[in-house]
Amino acid sequence: MGRRFELRRKPRGADRPSAAQDKHLATCRSGPIIVEMEYRVASDRARSFYASMLKVRSARSRNGAFAWSLARDISAPELWVERFTCPI
């Protein structure tokens, strides 16, 4: 079973980048970005995971993502990689 993480709220302004970090931020002129996420899924849950990810694909598309793909690693069957491109 996968790990669960607790999301905590940060104080207002805590996530603002410093001046040094500011130069590395993406802007509208930066173009689209590619997002890649890895999932570890037990073999006996692979079919239900795949079905769930098709729903995730729809949600990503509604939010502007394109070029979505889901691949299973041949050398490590429990590893799945989701990849999509989204505009900034």
C-alpha atoms as a PDB file:
ATOM      1  CA  MET A   1       0.000   0.000   0.000  1.00  0.00           C
ATOM      2  CA  GLY A   2       1.230   3.476  -0.813  1.00  0.00           C
ATOM      3  CA  ARG A   3       2.223   6.098   1.704  1.00  0.00           C
ATOM      4  CA  ARG A   4      -0.145   8.813   2.800  1.00  0.00           C
ATOM      5  CA  PHE A   5       1.144  12.295   3.340  1.00  0.00           C
ATOM      6  CA  GLU A   6      -0.445  15.011   5.410  1.00  0.00           C
ATOM      7  CA  LEU A   7      -0.725  18.364   3.691  1.00  0.00           C
ATOM      8  CA  ARG A   8      -0.068  21.300   5.967  1.00  0.00           C
ATOM      9  CA  ARG A   9      -0.929  24.891   5.308  1.00  0.00           C
ATOM     10  CA  LYS A  10       1.919  27.376   5.279  1.00  0.00           C
ATOM     11  CA  PRO A  11       1.691  30.826   6.801  1.00  0.00           C
ATOM     12  CA  ARG A  12       0.683  33.531   4.332  1.00  0.00           C
ATOM     13  CA  GLY A  13       3.684  34.576   2.226  1.00  0.00           C
ATOM     14  CA  ALA A  14       5.834  31.609   3.298  1.00  0.00           C
ATOM     15  CA  ASP A  15       5.886  30.180  -0.220  1.00  0.00           C
ATOM     16  CA  ARG A  16       7.113  33.390  -1.887  1.00  0.00           C
ATOM     17  CA  PRO A  17      10.501  32.911  -3.535  1.00  0.00           C
ATOM     18  CA  SER A  18      13.485  34.938  -2.458  1.00  0.00           C
ATOM     19  CA  ALA A  19      15.059  37.403  -4.894  1.00  0.00           C
ATOM     20  CA  ALA A  20      17.775  34.836  -5.701  1.00  0.00           C
ATOM     21  CA  GLN A  21      15.169  32.171  -6.551  1.00  0.00           C
ATOM     22  CA  ASP A  22      13.021  34.619  -8.511  1.00  0.00           C
ATOM     23  CA  LYS A  23      15.271  34.496 -11.581  1.00  0.00           C
ATOM     24  CA  HIS A  24      14.532  30.766 -12.012  1.00  0.00           C
ATOM     25  CA  LEU A  25      10.742  31.037 -12.007  1.00  0.00           C
ATOM     26  CA  ALA A  26       8.795  30.105 -15.113  1.00  0.00           C
ATOM     27  CA  THR A  27       6.870  32.870 -16.827  1.00  0.00           C
ATOM     28  CA  CYS A  28       4.219  32.917 -19.547  1.00  0.00           C
ATOM     29  CA  ARG A  29       7.040  33.251 -22.057  1.00  0.00           C
ATOM     30  CA  SER A  30       8.716  30.091 -20.757  1.00  0.00           C
ATOM     31  CA  GLY A  31       6.337  27.875 -22.713  1.00  0.00           C
ATOM     32  CA  PRO A  32       4.704  24.645 -21.584  1.00  0.00           C
ATOM     33  CA  ILE A  33       6.240  22.433 -18.913  1.00  0.00           C
ATOM     34  CA  ILE A  34       6.441  18.642 -18.776  1.00  0.00           C
ATOM     35  CA  VAL A  35       5.316  16.936 -15.572  1.00  0.00           C
ATOM     36  CA  GLU A  36       6.404  13.380 -14.811  1.00  0.00           C
ATOM     37  CA  MET A  37       5.167  11.403 -11.816  1.00  0.00           C
ATOM     38  CA  GLU A  38       6.091   7.891 -10.715  1.00  0.00           C
ATOM     39  CA  TYR A  39       3.742   5.503  -8.944  1.00  0.00           C
ATOM     40  CA  ARG A  40       4.501   2.162  -7.317  1.00  0.00           C
ATOM     41  CA  VAL A  41       1.555  -0.204  -7.673  1.00  0.00           C
ATOM     42  CA  ALA A  42       1.286  -3.825  -6.562  1.00  0.00           C
ATOM     43  CA  SER A  43       0.666  -6.219  -9.465  1.00  0.00           C
ATOM     44  CA  ASP A  44      -2.690  -7.333  -8.083  1.00  0.00           C
ATOM     45  CA  ARG A  45      -3.920  -3.710  -8.140  1.00  0.00           C
ATOM     46  CA  ALA A  46      -2.628  -2.818 -11.620  1.00  0.00           C
ATOM     47  CA  ARG A  47      -5.990  -3.091 -13.412  1.00  0.00           C
ATOM     48  CA  SER A  48      -7.843  -0.891 -10.928  1.00  0.00           C
ATOM     49  CA  PHE A  49      -4.940   1.580 -10.922  1.00  0.00           C
ATOM     50  CA  TYR A  50      -5.091   1.826 -14.704  1.00  0.00           C
ATOM     51  CA  ALA A  51      -8.853   2.396 -14.615  1.00  0.00           C
ATOM     52  CA  SER A  52      -8.400   5.137 -12.018  1.00  0.00           C
ATOM     53  CA  MET A  53      -5.666   6.788 -14.054  1.00  0.00           C
ATOM     54  CA  LEU A  54      -7.994   7.067 -17.048  1.00  0.00           C
ATOM     55  CA  LYS A  55     -10.200   9.248 -14.835  1.00  0.00           C
ATOM     56  CA  VAL A  56      -7.133  11.250 -13.821  1.00  0.00           C
ATOM     57  CA  ARG A  57      -6.381  11.750 -17.510  1.00  0.00           C
ATOM     58  CA  SER A  58      -9.792  13.357 -18.007  1.00  0.00           C
ATOM     59  CA  ALA A  59      -9.217  15.662 -15.044  1.00  0.00           C
ATOM     60  CA  ARG A  60      -5.787  16.670 -16.335  1.00  0.00           C
ATOM     61  CA  SER A  61      -7.271  17.448 -19.760  1.00  0.00           C
ATOM     62  CA  ARG A  62      -9.995  19.607 -18.198  1.00  0.00           C
ATOM     63  CA  ASN A  63      -7.269  21.566 -16.457  1.00  0.00           C
ATOM     64  CA  GLY A  64      -5.388  22.210 -19.707  1.00  0.00           C
ATOM     65  CA  ALA A  65      -2.885  19.358 -19.837  1.00  0.00           C
ATOM     66  CA  PHE A  66      -2.094  17.674 -23.127  1.00  0.00           C
ATOM     67  CA  ALA A  67       0.159  14.884 -24.446  1.00  0.00           C
ATOM     68  CA  TRP A  68      -0.818  12.679 -21.473  1.00  0.00           C
ATOM     69  CA  SER A  69       0.676   9.205 -21.233  1.00  0.00           C
ATOM     70  CA  LEU A  70       0.889   6.378 -18.722  1.00  0.00           C
ATOM     71  CA  ALA A  71       3.588   3.753 -19.052  1.00  0.00           C
ATOM     72  CA  ARG A  72       4.604   0.673 -17.094  1.00  0.00           C
ATOM     73  CA  ASP A  73       8.316   0.022 -16.639  1.00  0.00           C
ATOM     74  CA  ILE A  74       9.224  -3.315 -18.224  1.00  0.00           C
ATOM     75  CA  SER A  75      12.173  -3.924 -15.889  1.00  0.00           C
ATOM     76  CA  ALA A  76      10.133  -3.030 -12.769  1.00  0.00           C
ATOM     77  CA  PRO A  77       6.451  -3.926 -13.354  1.00  0.00           C
ATOM     78  CA  GLU A  78       5.303  -2.221 -10.152  1.00  0.00           C
ATOM     79  CA  LEU A  79       6.577   1.142 -11.450  1.00  0.00           C
ATOM     80  CA  TRP A  80       4.206   3.289 -13.531  1.00  0.00           C
ATOM     81  CA  VAL A  81       5.106   6.679 -14.993  1.00  0.00           C
ATOM     82  CA  GLU A  82       2.502   9.340 -15.767  1.00  0.00           C
ATOM     83  CA  ARG A  83       3.648  12.131 -18.053  1.00  0.00           C
ATOM     84  CA  PHE A  84       1.851  15.165 -19.430  1.00  0.00           C
ATOM     85  CA  THR A  85       2.493  18.649 -20.697  1.00  0.00           C
ATOM     86  CA  CYS A  86       0.724  21.702 -19.380  1.00  0.00           C
ATOM     87  CA  PRO A  87       0.805  25.381 -20.201  1.00  0.00           C
ATOM     88  CA  ILE A  88       2.023  27.836 -17.626  1.00  0.00           C
END
